[in-house]
Amino acid sequence: MRMPDAAGSLAIVCLLLGSCAPALPQQTNAASEPAAAAPQNPEPAHFPAARESLLLGPGDLLHVTVLREPELEQHARVLDSGVIPLALIGNVSVQGLTPAQAAARIASEYLNGKFLLHPDVSVLVEQYATQAVSVLGEVGHPGTVQLTAPRTLIDVLSQAGGLTAFADRHITIERGGKDGERVRVFLPNHADDALNADVLVRPGDIVVVPKAGVVYVLGDVAHPGGYVMQYDSRLTVLQAIALAAGTSKTASERRIRLVRNVDGQSLCIQLPLREMERGREPDVPLQANDILYVPFSLAKNISLGIADITAAASSALIYATR
């Protein structure tokens, strides 16, 4: 019997297994199928550029350098006209620009003038001429405070020695620059409210702290004199009487007099002090330079006129207390 050759044996095995060809691993044609797109890095987030606290102005000293051009390095001061003189390109206006904007403008001048093909300019401020803040009025140490960035009003006042006992809480800030904007800030006595009401003071600003108003308490009180309106720049009748250590036993509390200057005219207003002390009448707010007169119980002192009370107020300055 003739034995089948190797090819015939392979055919028989294939018939028994139900397949005529061995399974081969599937190959992928790289040319026919597109390659999977590679994951791309997401674009970096673009945040708005932070506003520069200090802009260039007259008197500022700048250090200008150009990469690979050491002969173009200069130390130039901004002139009153707002320009700086530079080699090759002459005067360049930089007033009101940030250092980065000034560098871009200088580079543009070198490029437009065909002096450099790829100018890489850097501007460094060596000295600011507008970095001082003037603090005037009722502070411990009036004068200038040096700033290189905006600071809160409380920070600036603390560097100036803080507010005095006679300081008004209504503070005026005049912004530096051409506009000369004036900002009026109320700084309460309460710590939390003062921190919430605080504003930023920028280099070149002027801070003015006026003197608080004075109210005069005269007549039959323990300590007659002038009293500063310290409590948030406000003062009421009862508070003023309390600052004067209250009325004497011989005082007539039924009616006291409030003398107020209105358009150059002195007006006399009768106030029921006893009813106000008992809460039956509302406490009356006072204004700067008001005069409270508490009469004596004696009839001859009750009959004092406005002129006499006003004259007594002028002499009460020597009793001014905190």
C-alpha atoms as a PDB file:
ATOM      1  CA  MET A   1       0.000   0.000   0.000  1.00  0.00           C
ATOM      2  CA  ARG A   2       1.350   3.331  -1.052  1.00  0.00           C
ATOM      3  CA  MET A   3       1.692   5.888   1.766  1.00  0.00           C
ATOM      4  CA  PRO A   4       0.469   9.419   1.004  1.00  0.00           C
ATOM      5  CA  ASP A   5       3.172  11.974   0.620  1.00  0.00           C
ATOM      6  CA  ALA A   6       3.566  14.990   2.897  1.00  0.00           C
ATOM      7  CA  ALA A   7       1.289  17.165   0.767  1.00  0.00           C
ATOM      8  CA  GLY A   8      -1.458  14.640   0.808  1.00  0.00           C
ATOM      9  CA  SER A   9      -1.181  14.209   4.564  1.00  0.00           C
ATOM     10  CA  LEU A  10      -1.556  17.930   5.022  1.00  0.00           C
ATOM     11  CA  ALA A  11      -4.659  17.967   2.834  1.00  0.00           C
ATOM     12  CA  ILE A  12      -6.238  15.129   4.859  1.00  0.00           C
ATOM     13  CA  VAL A  13      -5.563  16.959   8.123  1.00  0.00           C
ATOM     14  CA  CYS A  14      -7.105  20.123   6.728  1.00  0.00           C
ATOM     15  CA  LEU A  15     -10.233  18.262   5.671  1.00  0.00           C
ATOM     16  CA  LEU A  16     -10.569  16.715   9.123  1.00  0.00           C
ATOM     17  CA  LEU A  17     -10.219  20.086  10.839  1.00  0.00           C
ATOM     18  CA  GLY A  18     -12.619  21.823   8.454  1.00  0.00           C
ATOM     19  CA  SER A  19     -10.052  24.284   7.215  1.00  0.00           C
ATOM     20  CA  CYS A  20      -7.822  24.300   4.233  1.00  0.00           C
ATOM     21  CA  ALA A  21      -5.378  26.952   5.345  1.00  0.00           C
ATOM     22  CA  PRO A  22      -3.726  27.670   8.633  1.00  0.00           C
ATOM     23  CA  ALA A  23      -4.834  30.788  10.474  1.00  0.00           C
ATOM     24  CA  LEU A  24      -2.354  33.575  10.096  1.00  0.00           C
ATOM     25  CA  PRO A  25      -2.124  36.676  12.261  1.00  0.00           C
ATOM     26  CA  GLN A  26      -3.969  39.593  10.666  1.00  0.00           C
ATOM     27  CA  GLN A  27      -1.711  42.355   9.469  1.00  0.00           C
ATOM     28  CA  THR A  28      -2.717  45.977   9.258  1.00  0.00           C
ATOM     29  CA  ASN A  29      -1.860  47.984   6.240  1.00  0.00           C
ATOM     30  CA  ALA A  30      -0.445  51.188   7.611  1.00  0.00           C
ATOM     31  CA  ALA A  31      -0.779  52.886   4.261  1.00  0.00           C
ATOM     32  CA  SER A  32      -4.485  52.112   3.861  1.00  0.00           C
ATOM     33  CA  GLU A  33      -5.678  53.090   7.361  1.00  0.00           C
ATOM     34  CA  PRO A  34      -5.125  56.567   8.798  1.00  0.00           C
ATOM     35  CA  ALA A  35      -3.047  56.720  11.926  1.00  0.00           C
ATOM     36  CA  ALA A  36      -4.814  57.696  15.108  1.00  0.00           C
ATOM     37  CA  ALA A  37      -4.443  61.378  15.845  1.00  0.00           C
ATOM     38  CA  ALA A  38      -1.960  62.030  18.593  1.00  0.00           C
ATOM     39  CA  PRO A  39      -3.426  63.802  21.610  1.00  0.00           C
ATOM     40  CA  GLN A  40      -2.531  67.462  21.490  1.00  0.00           C
ATOM     41  CA  ASN A  41      -1.695  69.556  24.495  1.00  0.00           C
ATOM     42  CA  PRO A  42      -4.491  71.953  25.392  1.00  0.00           C
ATOM     43  CA  GLU A  43      -3.881  75.600  24.744  1.00  0.00           C
ATOM     44  CA  PRO A  44      -2.664  77.455  27.843  1.00  0.00           C
ATOM     45  CA  ALA A  45      -5.319  79.586  29.479  1.00  0.00           C
ATOM     46  CA  HIS A  46      -5.031  83.247  28.595  1.00  0.00           C
ATOM     47  CA  PHE A  47      -5.558  85.409  31.642  1.00  0.00           C
ATOM     48  CA  PRO A  48      -5.940  89.172  31.383  1.00  0.00           C
ATOM     49  CA  ALA A  49      -2.705  90.956  32.065  1.00  0.00           C
ATOM     50  CA  ALA A  50      -2.523  92.431  35.539  1.00  0.00           C
ATOM     51  CA  ARG A  51      -2.669  96.190  35.642  1.00  0.00           C
ATOM     52  CA  GLU A  52       0.686  97.739  36.447  1.00  0.00           C
ATOM     53  CA  SER A  53       0.564  99.761  39.628  1.00  0.00           C
ATOM     54  CA  LEU A  54       3.266 102.199  38.486  1.00  0.00           C
ATOM     55  CA  LEU A  55       3.405 103.819  35.061  1.00  0.00           C
ATOM     56  CA  LEU A  56       6.368 105.692  33.685  1.00  0.00           C
ATOM     57  CA  GLY A  57       6.401 109.431  34.218  1.00  0.00           C
ATOM     58  CA  PRO A  58       8.713 112.456  34.167  1.00  0.00           C
ATOM     59  CA  GLY A  59      11.768 112.071  36.353  1.00  0.00           C
ATOM     60  CA  ASP A  60      11.874 108.255  36.284  1.00  0.00           C
ATOM     61  CA  LEU A  61      15.334 106.793  35.646  1.00  0.00           C
ATOM     62  CA  LEU A  62      15.302 103.909  33.132  1.00  0.00           C
ATOM     63  CA  HIS A  63      17.894 101.293  32.259  1.00  0.00           C
ATOM     64  CA  VAL A  64      17.490 100.314  28.594  1.00  0.00           C
ATOM     65  CA  THR A  65      19.317  97.259  27.235  1.00  0.00           C
ATOM     66  CA  VAL A  66      19.265  95.591  23.810  1.00  0.00           C
ATOM     67  CA  LEU A  67      20.176  91.920  23.545  1.00  0.00           C
ATOM     68  CA  ARG A  68      23.484  91.319  21.710  1.00  0.00           C
ATOM     69  CA  GLU A  69      23.929  95.082  21.310  1.00  0.00           C
ATOM     70  CA  PRO A  70      25.941  96.261  24.336  1.00  0.00           C
ATOM     71  CA  GLU A  71      26.751  99.599  22.710  1.00  0.00           C
ATOM     72  CA  LEU A  72      23.036 100.504  22.811  1.00  0.00           C
ATOM     73  CA  GLU A  73      22.771 100.078  26.602  1.00  0.00           C
ATOM     74  CA  GLN A  74      21.711 103.377  28.197  1.00  0.00           C
ATOM     75  CA  HIS A  75      20.612 104.940  31.482  1.00  0.00           C
ATOM     76  CA  ALA A  76      18.059 107.572  30.535  1.00  0.00           C
ATOM     77  CA  ARG A  77      15.776 109.764  32.635  1.00  0.00           C
ATOM     78  CA  VAL A  78      12.272 110.579  31.418  1.00  0.00           C
ATOM     79  CA  LEU A  79      12.086 114.272  30.546  1.00  0.00           C
ATOM     80  CA  ASP A  80       9.246 116.609  31.498  1.00  0.00           C
ATOM     81  CA  SER A  81       7.829 116.110  28.005  1.00  0.00           C
ATOM     82  CA  GLY A  82       7.510 112.369  28.694  1.00  0.00           C
ATOM     83  CA  VAL A  83      10.255 111.217  26.294  1.00  0.00           C
ATOM     84  CA  ILE A  84      13.668 109.600  26.728  1.00  0.00           C
ATOM     85  CA  PRO A  85      16.588 110.286  24.371  1.00  0.00           C
ATOM     86  CA  LEU A  86      18.088 107.083  22.956  1.00  0.00           C
ATOM     87  CA  ALA A  87      20.945 106.369  20.600  1.00  0.00           C
ATOM     88  CA  LEU A  88      20.126 106.134  16.878  1.00  0.00           C
ATOM     89  CA  ILE A  89      16.354 106.581  17.257  1.00  0.00           C
ATOM     90  CA  GLY A  90      16.266 109.861  19.181  1.00  0.00           C
ATOM     91  CA  ASN A  91      13.390 110.785  21.518  1.00  0.00           C
ATOM     92  CA  VAL A  92      10.844 108.070  22.337  1.00  0.00           C
ATOM     93  CA  SER A  93       7.640 108.879  24.220  1.00  0.00           C
ATOM     94  CA  VAL A  94       7.185 106.535  27.210  1.00  0.00           C
ATOM     95  CA  GLN A  95       5.020 108.549  29.618  1.00  0.00           C
ATOM     96  CA  GLY A  96       2.000 106.616  30.855  1.00  0.00           C
ATOM     97  CA  LEU A  97       3.401 103.277  29.651  1.00  0.00           C
ATOM     98  CA  THR A  98       4.424 100.221  31.624  1.00  0.00           C
ATOM     99  CA  PRO A  99       8.093  99.144  31.358  1.00  0.00           C
ATOM    100  CA  ALA A 100       7.066  96.278  29.058  1.00  0.00           C
ATOM    101  CA  GLN A 101       5.103  98.625  26.782  1.00  0.00           C
ATOM    102  CA  ALA A 102       8.025 101.044  26.693  1.00  0.00           C
ATOM    103  CA  ALA A 103      10.371  98.200  25.689  1.00  0.00           C
ATOM    104  CA  ALA A 104       8.011  97.198  22.869  1.00  0.00           C
ATOM    105  CA  ARG A 105       7.826 100.788  21.597  1.00  0.00           C
ATOM    106  CA  ILE A 106      11.611 101.182  21.627  1.00  0.00           C
ATOM    107  CA  ALA A 107      12.019  97.886  19.769  1.00  0.00           C
ATOM    108  CA  SER A 108       9.505  99.060  17.182  1.00  0.00           C
ATOM    109  CA  GLU A 109      11.497 102.265  16.644  1.00  0.00           C
ATOM    110  CA  TYR A 110      14.718 100.313  16.076  1.00  0.00           C
ATOM    111  CA  LEU A 111      12.909  98.026  13.653  1.00  0.00           C
ATOM    112  CA  ASN A 112      11.068 100.756  11.728  1.00  0.00           C
ATOM    113  CA  GLY A 113      14.258 102.769  11.431  1.00  0.00           C
ATOM    114  CA  LYS A 114      16.007  99.694   9.962  1.00  0.00           C
ATOM    115  CA  PHE A 115      18.728  99.871  12.570  1.00  0.00           C
ATOM    116  CA  LEU A 116      18.089  96.336  13.880  1.00  0.00           C
ATOM    117  CA  LEU A 117      16.395  93.355  12.258  1.00  0.00           C
ATOM    118  CA  HIS A 118      15.337  91.559  15.432  1.00  0.00           C
ATOM    119  CA  PRO A 119      15.566  93.999  18.356  1.00  0.00           C
ATOM    120  CA  ASP A 120      15.101  92.465  21.796  1.00  0.00           C
ATOM    121  CA  VAL A 121      14.732  95.393  24.200  1.00  0.00           C
ATOM    122  CA  SER A 122      14.421  95.373  27.982  1.00  0.00           C
ATOM    123  CA  VAL A 123      13.457  98.351  30.163  1.00  0.00           C
ATOM    124  CA  LEU A 124      14.159  98.364  33.900  1.00  0.00           C
ATOM    125  CA  VAL A 125      13.056 101.204  36.195  1.00  0.00           C
ATOM    126  CA  GLU A 126      16.001 102.091  38.413  1.00  0.00           C
ATOM    127  CA  GLN A 127      14.269 104.934  40.225  1.00  0.00           C
ATOM    128  CA  TYR A 128      10.681 106.132  40.305  1.00  0.00           C
ATOM    129  CA  ALA A 129      10.185 109.850  40.719  1.00  0.00           C
ATOM    130  CA  THR A 130       6.456 109.507  41.470  1.00  0.00           C
ATOM    131  CA  GLN A 131       6.571 106.844  44.176  1.00  0.00           C
ATOM    132  CA  ALA A 132       5.933 109.162  47.150  1.00  0.00           C
ATOM    133  CA  VAL A 133       2.507 109.683  48.732  1.00  0.00           C
ATOM    134  CA  SER A 134       1.918 112.955  50.548  1.00  0.00           C
ATOM    135  CA  VAL A 135      -0.040 112.577  53.795  1.00  0.00           C
ATOM    136  CA  LEU A 136      -1.243 115.874  55.252  1.00  0.00           C
ATOM    137  CA  GLY A 137      -3.412 116.981  58.145  1.00  0.00           C
ATOM    138  CA  GLU A 138      -4.234 115.244  61.394  1.00  0.00           C
ATOM    139  CA  VAL A 139      -1.719 112.387  61.363  1.00  0.00           C
ATOM    140  CA  GLY A 140       1.155 111.637  63.694  1.00  0.00           C
ATOM    141  CA  HIS A 141       3.899 112.418  61.184  1.00  0.00           C
ATOM    142  CA  PRO A 142       2.692 114.509  58.232  1.00  0.00           C
ATOM    143  CA  GLY A 143       4.924 114.291  55.189  1.00  0.00           C
ATOM    144  CA  THR A 144       5.698 111.788  52.435  1.00  0.00           C
ATOM    145  CA  VAL A 145       5.401 108.013  52.492  1.00  0.00           C
ATOM    146  CA  GLN A 146       7.438 106.043  49.956  1.00  0.00           C
ATOM    147  CA  LEU A 147       5.469 103.424  48.008  1.00  0.00           C
ATOM    148  CA  THR A 148       6.457 101.116  45.159  1.00  0.00           C
ATOM    149  CA  ALA A 149       3.001  99.546  44.804  1.00  0.00           C
ATOM    150  CA  PRO A 150      -0.562 100.356  45.895  1.00  0.00           C
ATOM    151  CA  ARG A 151      -1.248 100.000  49.601  1.00  0.00           C
ATOM    152  CA  THR A 152      -4.417 100.246  51.641  1.00  0.00           C
ATOM    153  CA  LEU A 153      -5.327 103.538  53.245  1.00  0.00           C
ATOM    154  CA  ILE A 154      -4.833 102.042  56.699  1.00  0.00           C
ATOM    155  CA  ASP A 155      -1.285 100.982  55.762  1.00  0.00           C
ATOM    156  CA  VAL A 156      -0.440 104.477  54.524  1.00  0.00           C
ATOM    157  CA  LEU A 157      -1.928 106.169  57.593  1.00  0.00           C
ATOM    158  CA  SER A 158      -0.030 103.801  59.895  1.00  0.00           C
ATOM    159  CA  GLN A 159       3.248 104.688  58.159  1.00  0.00           C
ATOM    160  CA  ALA A 160       2.381 108.360  58.725  1.00  0.00           C
ATOM    161  CA  GLY A 161       1.966 107.797  62.458  1.00  0.00           C
ATOM    162  CA  GLY A 162      -1.769 107.089  62.494  1.00  0.00           C
ATOM    163  CA  LEU A 163      -4.657 109.457  63.069  1.00  0.00           C
ATOM    164  CA  THR A 164      -4.538 111.976  65.872  1.00  0.00           C
ATOM    165  CA  ALA A 165      -7.298 112.404  68.422  1.00  0.00           C
ATOM    166  CA  PHE A 166      -8.533 115.445  66.508  1.00  0.00           C
ATOM    167  CA  ALA A 167      -8.739 113.745  63.096  1.00  0.00           C
ATOM    168  CA  ASP A 168     -11.918 113.822  61.070  1.00  0.00           C
ATOM    169  CA  ARG A 169     -13.021 110.442  59.742  1.00  0.00           C
ATOM    170  CA  HIS A 170     -13.876 111.882  56.321  1.00  0.00           C
ATOM    171  CA  ILE A 171     -10.586 111.577  54.423  1.00  0.00           C
ATOM    172  CA  THR A 172      -9.875 112.909  50.932  1.00  0.00           C
ATOM    173  CA  ILE A 173      -7.532 111.193  48.445  1.00  0.00           C
ATOM    174  CA  GLU A 174      -6.422 113.095  45.362  1.00  0.00           C
ATOM    175  CA  ARG A 175      -5.250 110.714  42.676  1.00  0.00           C
ATOM    176  CA  GLY A 176      -1.969 111.477  40.952  1.00  0.00           C
ATOM    177  CA  GLY A 177      -1.921 112.119  37.228  1.00  0.00           C
ATOM    178  CA  LYS A 178      -3.552 114.537  34.850  1.00  0.00           C
ATOM    179  CA  ASP A 179      -7.143 113.811  35.865  1.00  0.00           C
ATOM    180  CA  GLY A 180      -6.694 114.748  39.515  1.00  0.00           C
ATOM    181  CA  GLU A 181      -9.653 112.623  40.627  1.00  0.00           C
ATOM    182  CA  ARG A 182     -10.691 113.116  44.238  1.00  0.00           C
ATOM    183  CA  VAL A 183     -11.952 110.207  46.295  1.00  0.00           C
ATOM    184  CA  ARG A 184     -13.636 110.809  49.648  1.00  0.00           C
ATOM    185  CA  VAL A 185     -13.426 107.956  52.108  1.00  0.00           C
ATOM    186  CA  PHE A 186     -15.218 107.558  55.416  1.00  0.00           C
ATOM    187  CA  LEU A 187     -13.109 105.578  57.900  1.00  0.00           C
ATOM    188  CA  PRO A 188     -15.336 104.510  60.820  1.00  0.00           C
ATOM    189  CA  ASN A 189     -14.126 104.083  64.390  1.00  0.00           C
ATOM    190  CA  HIS A 190     -15.280 100.469  64.437  1.00  0.00           C
ATOM    191  CA  ALA A 191     -12.408  98.195  63.379  1.00  0.00           C
ATOM    192  CA  ASP A 192     -14.384  95.785  61.172  1.00  0.00           C
ATOM    193  CA  ASP A 193     -16.202  98.598  59.391  1.00  0.00           C
ATOM    194  CA  ALA A 194     -12.922 100.471  58.863  1.00  0.00           C
ATOM    195  CA  LEU A 195     -11.299  97.431  57.250  1.00  0.00           C
ATOM    196  CA  ASN A 196     -14.300  96.881  54.985  1.00  0.00           C
ATOM    197  CA  ALA A 197     -14.366 100.547  53.948  1.00  0.00           C
ATOM    198  CA  ASP A 198     -10.649 100.710  53.192  1.00  0.00           C
ATOM    199  CA  VAL A 199      -9.430 101.725  49.713  1.00  0.00           C
ATOM    200  CA  LEU A 200      -6.126 101.535  47.866  1.00  0.00           C
ATOM    201  CA  VAL A 201      -3.698 104.446  47.779  1.00  0.00           C
ATOM    202  CA  ARG A 202      -1.420 104.547  44.733  1.00  0.00           C
ATOM    203  CA  PRO A 203       2.031 106.102  44.412  1.00  0.00           C
ATOM    204  CA  GLY A 204       1.738 109.787  43.575  1.00  0.00           C
ATOM    205  CA  ASP A 205      -1.550 110.256  45.469  1.00  0.00           C
ATOM    206  CA  ILE A 206      -2.187 112.922  48.105  1.00  0.00           C
ATOM    207  CA  VAL A 207      -4.021 111.989  51.326  1.00  0.00           C
ATOM    208  CA  VAL A 208      -5.590 114.796  53.372  1.00  0.00           C
ATOM    209  CA  VAL A 209      -6.944 114.151  56.868  1.00  0.00           C
ATOM    210  CA  PRO A 210      -8.880 117.235  58.046  1.00  0.00           C
ATOM    211  CA  LYS A 211      -9.432 118.253  61.624  1.00  0.00           C
ATOM    212  CA  ALA A 212     -12.657 117.068  63.181  1.00  0.00           C
ATOM    213  CA  GLY A 213     -15.339 119.541  64.146  1.00  0.00           C
ATOM    214  CA  VAL A 214     -15.594 120.903  67.677  1.00  0.00           C
ATOM    215  CA  VAL A 215     -18.739 121.264  69.773  1.00  0.00           C
ATOM    216  CA  TYR A 216     -18.777 123.646  72.753  1.00  0.00           C
ATOM    217  CA  VAL A 217     -20.554 122.748  75.993  1.00  0.00           C
ATOM    218  CA  LEU A 218     -20.953 125.708  78.349  1.00  0.00           C
ATOM    219  CA  GLY A 219     -22.898 126.682  81.421  1.00  0.00           C
ATOM    220  CA  ASP A 220     -23.614 124.650  84.498  1.00  0.00           C
ATOM    221  CA  VAL A 221     -21.688 121.482  83.598  1.00  0.00           C
ATOM    222  CA  ALA A 222     -18.802 119.806  85.412  1.00  0.00           C
ATOM    223  CA  HIS A 223     -16.195 120.507  82.702  1.00  0.00           C
ATOM    224  CA  PRO A 224     -17.192 123.226  80.240  1.00  0.00           C
ATOM    225  CA  GLY A 225     -15.122 123.423  77.084  1.00  0.00           C
ATOM    226  CA  GLY A 226     -14.755 122.375  73.466  1.00  0.00           C
ATOM    227  CA  TYR A 227     -15.081 118.700  72.537  1.00  0.00           C
ATOM    228  CA  VAL A 228     -13.913 117.052  69.347  1.00  0.00           C
ATOM    229  CA  MET A 229     -16.462 115.084  67.307  1.00  0.00           C
ATOM    230  CA  GLN A 230     -14.470 111.856  67.548  1.00  0.00           C
ATOM    231  CA  TYR A 231     -17.193 109.241  67.230  1.00  0.00           C
ATOM    232  CA  ASP A 232     -17.290 108.693  63.465  1.00  0.00           C
ATOM    233  CA  SER A 233     -17.175 112.509  63.209  1.00  0.00           C
ATOM    234  CA  ARG A 234     -20.608 112.650  64.824  1.00  0.00           C
ATOM    235  CA  LEU A 235     -21.810 113.814  68.210  1.00  0.00           C
ATOM    236  CA  THR A 236     -25.219 114.149  69.817  1.00  0.00           C
ATOM    237  CA  VAL A 237     -26.498 116.354  72.628  1.00  0.00           C
ATOM    238  CA  LEU A 238     -26.403 113.595  75.232  1.00  0.00           C
ATOM    239  CA  GLN A 239     -22.909 112.501  74.154  1.00  0.00           C
ATOM    240  CA  ALA A 240     -21.642 116.082  74.402  1.00  0.00           C
ATOM    241  CA  ILE A 241     -23.154 116.487  77.881  1.00  0.00           C
ATOM    242  CA  ALA A 242     -21.524 113.191  78.899  1.00  0.00           C
ATOM    243  CA  LEU A 243     -18.114 114.375  77.634  1.00  0.00           C
ATOM    244  CA  ALA A 244     -18.544 117.464  79.832  1.00  0.00           C
ATOM    245  CA  ALA A 245     -19.016 115.089  82.813  1.00  0.00           C
ATOM    246  CA  GLY A 246     -22.728 115.833  83.056  1.00  0.00           C
ATOM    247  CA  THR A 247     -24.700 118.708  84.463  1.00  0.00           C
ATOM    248  CA  SER A 248     -24.342 120.094  87.963  1.00  0.00           C
ATOM    249  CA  LYS A 249     -26.992 119.846  90.656  1.00  0.00           C
ATOM    250  CA  THR A 250     -27.789 123.506  90.251  1.00  0.00           C
ATOM    251  CA  ALA A 251     -28.375 123.220  86.492  1.00  0.00           C
ATOM    252  CA  SER A 252     -31.754 123.805  84.914  1.00  0.00           C
ATOM    253  CA  GLU A 253     -32.243 120.748  82.681  1.00  0.00           C
ATOM    254  CA  ARG A 254     -35.774 121.580  81.636  1.00  0.00           C
ATOM    255  CA  ARG A 255     -34.584 123.690  78.747  1.00  0.00           C
ATOM    256  CA  ILE A 256     -31.071 124.041  77.382  1.00  0.00           C
ATOM    257  CA  ARG A 257     -29.992 126.167  74.432  1.00  0.00           C
ATOM    258  CA  LEU A 258     -28.400 125.117  71.183  1.00  0.00           C
ATOM    259  CA  VAL A 259     -26.757 128.014  69.325  1.00  0.00           C
ATOM    260  CA  ARG A 260     -26.030 127.215  65.676  1.00  0.00           C
ATOM    261  CA  ASN A 261     -24.595 129.387  62.928  1.00  0.00           C
ATOM    262  CA  VAL A 262     -26.673 129.176  59.752  1.00  0.00           C
ATOM    263  CA  ASP A 263     -25.549 131.299  56.793  1.00  0.00           C
ATOM    264  CA  GLY A 264     -23.810 133.751  59.090  1.00  0.00           C
ATOM    265  CA  GLN A 265     -26.801 134.066  61.417  1.00  0.00           C
ATOM    266  CA  SER A 266     -26.822 132.703  64.980  1.00  0.00           C
ATOM    267  CA  LEU A 267     -29.975 130.736  65.725  1.00  0.00           C
ATOM    268  CA  CYS A 268     -31.035 129.717  69.229  1.00  0.00           C
ATOM    269  CA  ILE A 269     -32.935 126.432  69.620  1.00  0.00           C
ATOM    270  CA  GLN A 270     -34.520 125.320  72.883  1.00  0.00           C
ATOM    271  CA  LEU A 271     -33.957 121.635  73.709  1.00  0.00           C
ATOM    272  CA  PRO A 272     -35.708 119.573  76.435  1.00  0.00           C
ATOM    273  CA  LEU A 273     -32.635 117.942  77.998  1.00  0.00           C
ATOM    274  CA  ARG A 274     -34.559 116.236  80.820  1.00  0.00           C
ATOM    275  CA  GLU A 275     -36.991 114.594  78.406  1.00  0.00           C
ATOM    276  CA  MET A 276     -34.110 113.507  76.185  1.00  0.00           C
ATOM    277  CA  GLU A 277     -32.349 111.904  79.143  1.00  0.00           C
ATOM    278  CA  ARG A 278     -35.504 109.969  79.986  1.00  0.00           C
ATOM    279  CA  GLY A 279     -35.934 108.777  76.418  1.00  0.00           C
ATOM    280  CA  ARG A 280     -39.151 110.670  75.824  1.00  0.00           C
ATOM    281  CA  GLU A 281     -37.554 112.911  73.201  1.00  0.00           C
ATOM    282  CA  PRO A 282     -35.037 111.842  70.524  1.00  0.00           C
ATOM    283  CA  ASP A 283     -31.390 112.700  70.947  1.00  0.00           C
ATOM    284  CA  VAL A 284     -30.396 115.562  68.631  1.00  0.00           C
ATOM    285  CA  PRO A 285     -27.276 115.275  66.409  1.00  0.00           C
ATOM    286  CA  LEU A 286     -24.913 118.216  66.556  1.00  0.00           C
ATOM    287  CA  GLN A 287     -22.892 119.987  63.895  1.00  0.00           C
ATOM    288  CA  ALA A 288     -19.387 121.387  63.997  1.00  0.00           C
ATOM    289  CA  ASN A 289     -19.111 124.666  65.968  1.00  0.00           C
ATOM    290  CA  ASP A 290     -22.473 124.162  67.690  1.00  0.00           C
ATOM    291  CA  ILE A 291     -22.751 125.616  71.189  1.00  0.00           C
ATOM    292  CA  LEU A 292     -24.702 123.901  73.971  1.00  0.00           C
ATOM    293  CA  TYR A 293     -25.523 126.083  76.931  1.00  0.00           C
ATOM    294  CA  VAL A 294     -26.865 124.530  80.121  1.00  0.00           C
ATOM    295  CA  PRO A 295     -28.334 127.366  82.230  1.00  0.00           C
ATOM    296  CA  PHE A 296     -28.074 127.662  85.981  1.00  0.00           C
ATOM    297  CA  SER A 297     -31.212 127.398  88.006  1.00  0.00           C
ATOM    298  CA  LEU A 298     -30.825 131.005  89.073  1.00  0.00           C
ATOM    299  CA  ALA A 299     -33.093 133.352  87.129  1.00  0.00           C
ATOM    300  CA  LYS A 300     -30.374 135.867  86.375  1.00  0.00           C
ATOM    301  CA  ASN A 301     -28.276 133.255  84.520  1.00  0.00           C
ATOM    302  CA  ILE A 302     -31.225 131.844  82.612  1.00  0.00           C
ATOM    303  CA  SER A 303     -31.672 135.254  81.022  1.00  0.00           C
ATOM    304  CA  LEU A 304     -28.282 135.154  79.256  1.00  0.00           C
ATOM    305  CA  GLY A 305     -28.555 136.130  75.592  1.00  0.00           C
ATOM    306  CA  ILE A 306     -27.039 134.587  72.482  1.00  0.00           C
ATOM    307  CA  ALA A 307     -24.224 137.152  72.370  1.00  0.00           C
ATOM    308  CA  ASP A 308     -23.151 136.232  75.902  1.00  0.00           C
ATOM    309  CA  ILE A 309     -23.201 132.514  75.127  1.00  0.00           C
ATOM    310  CA  THR A 310     -21.181 132.988  71.929  1.00  0.00           C
ATOM    311  CA  ALA A 311     -18.596 135.068  73.787  1.00  0.00           C
ATOM    312  CA  ALA A 312     -18.279 132.328  76.399  1.00  0.00           C
ATOM    313  CA  ALA A 313     -17.748 129.762  73.647  1.00  0.00           C
ATOM    314  CA  SER A 314     -14.757 131.658  72.255  1.00  0.00           C
ATOM    315  CA  SER A 315     -13.075 131.547  75.659  1.00  0.00           C
ATOM    316  CA  ALA A 316     -13.889 127.838  76.062  1.00  0.00           C
ATOM    317  CA  LEU A 317     -11.082 126.846  73.694  1.00  0.00           C
ATOM    318  CA  ILE A 318      -8.716 126.713  76.657  1.00  0.00           C
ATOM    319  CA  TYR A 319     -10.848 123.899  78.067  1.00  0.00           C
ATOM    320  CA  ALA A 320     -10.640 121.815  74.877  1.00  0.00           C
ATOM    321  CA  THR A 321     -10.281 118.186  75.808  1.00  0.00           C
ATOM    322  CA  ARG A 322     -10.255 114.887  74.028  1.00  0.00           C
END
